[in-house]
Protein backbone atom coordinates (compact mmCIF):
# COMPACT_ATOMS: atom_id res chain seq x y z
CA UNK A 1 10.76 -1.12 -0.06
CA UNK A 2 11.12 -2.13 3.55
CA UNK A 3 8.11 -1.59 5.76
CA UNK A 4 8.13 -1.83 9.53
CA UNK A 5 5.27 -1.66 11.96
CA UNK A 6 4.92 1.58 13.96
CA UNK A 7 3.64 0.97 17.48
CA UNK A 8 1.35 3.24 19.50
CA UNK A 9 3.12 6.12 21.18
CA UNK A 10 6.18 5.88 18.95
CA UNK A 11 7.47 9.10 17.37
CA UNK A 12 7.68 8.77 13.60
CA UNK A 13 9.55 10.66 10.91
CA UNK A 14 8.06 11.65 7.56
CA UNK A 15 9.56 8.58 5.91
CA UNK A 16 8.24 6.29 8.63
CA UNK A 17 4.79 7.82 8.33
CA UNK A 18 4.77 7.24 4.56
CA UNK A 19 5.89 3.63 5.12
CA UNK A 20 3.13 3.18 7.70
CA UNK A 21 0.50 4.52 5.30
CA UNK A 22 1.76 2.31 2.45
CA UNK A 23 1.71 -0.67 4.81
CA UNK A 24 -1.89 0.12 5.73
CA UNK A 25 -2.91 0.32 2.06
CA UNK A 26 -1.15 -2.96 1.22
CA UNK A 27 -2.68 -4.86 4.15
CA UNK A 28 -6.24 -3.56 3.82
CA UNK A 29 -8.54 -5.55 1.54
CA UNK A 30 -10.54 -3.24 -0.72
CA UNK A 31 -14.13 -3.03 0.49
CA UNK A 32 -13.31 -3.76 4.14
CA UNK A 33 -13.33 -0.16 5.41
CA UNK A 34 -16.82 0.96 6.38
CA UNK A 35 -17.68 4.21 4.62
CA UNK A 36 -14.61 4.01 2.36
CA UNK A 37 -15.04 0.93 0.15
CA UNK A 38 -12.37 2.04 -2.36
CA UNK A 39 -9.54 2.05 0.20
CA UNK A 40 -7.06 -0.82 0.03
CA UNK A 41 -5.86 -3.41 -2.43
CA UNK A 42 -8.17 -5.80 -4.26
CA UNK A 43 -7.57 -9.09 -2.43
CA UNK A 44 -7.74 -11.01 -5.72
CA UNK A 45 -4.39 -9.43 -6.64
CA UNK A 46 -2.61 -11.63 -4.10
CA UNK A 47 -3.96 -14.79 -5.76
CA UNK A 48 -2.42 -13.95 -9.15
CA UNK A 49 0.56 -15.89 -10.50
CA UNK A 50 3.89 -14.23 -9.68
CA UNK A 51 4.31 -13.19 -13.31
CA UNK A 52 1.16 -11.03 -13.07
CA UNK A 53 1.26 -10.10 -9.39
CA UNK A 54 3.97 -7.44 -9.48
CA UNK A 55 2.46 -5.43 -12.34
CA UNK A 56 -1.07 -5.52 -10.92
CA UNK A 57 0.10 -4.71 -7.39
CA UNK A 58 2.12 -1.73 -8.65
CA UNK A 59 -0.93 -0.52 -10.57
CA UNK A 60 -3.19 -0.85 -7.52
CA UNK A 61 -0.62 0.87 -5.29
CA UNK A 62 -0.25 3.78 -7.72
CA UNK A 63 -4.04 4.26 -7.77
CA UNK A 64 -4.29 4.11 -3.98
CA UNK A 65 -1.43 6.54 -3.39
CA UNK A 66 -2.93 8.99 -5.91
CA UNK A 67 -6.25 8.87 -4.02
CA UNK A 68 -5.11 8.73 -0.41
CA UNK A 69 -1.53 10.03 -0.40
CA UNK A 70 -1.53 12.72 -3.11
CA UNK A 71 1.56 14.41 -1.65
CA UNK A 72 3.60 11.23 -2.25
CA UNK A 73 5.08 10.37 -5.63
CA UNK A 74 6.33 6.85 -6.23
CA UNK A 75 9.42 6.92 -8.43
CA UNK A 76 10.37 3.27 -8.25
CA UNK A 77 9.02 0.04 -6.82
CA UNK A 78 11.08 -3.10 -6.57
CA UNK A 79 9.75 -6.45 -5.53
CA UNK A 80 11.60 -9.34 -4.02
CA UNK A 81 10.41 -12.58 -2.55
């Protein structure tokens, strides 16, 4: 998955909007959004060893997309460093 930052005033397509929303979920620490403490990824996930990171991150992302992007279905996630 390739994510790119969308700047203010830029017209976005459906795919770009989904990428922007996924980017927001991935970069927001859970508990940091006032009034919505469940939004975001548990920051402890990023401290896990690489062998555990991918599975936990996929799990967190699936939970977040189900809650905040119910019209999006993730078929496949690939990770590369």
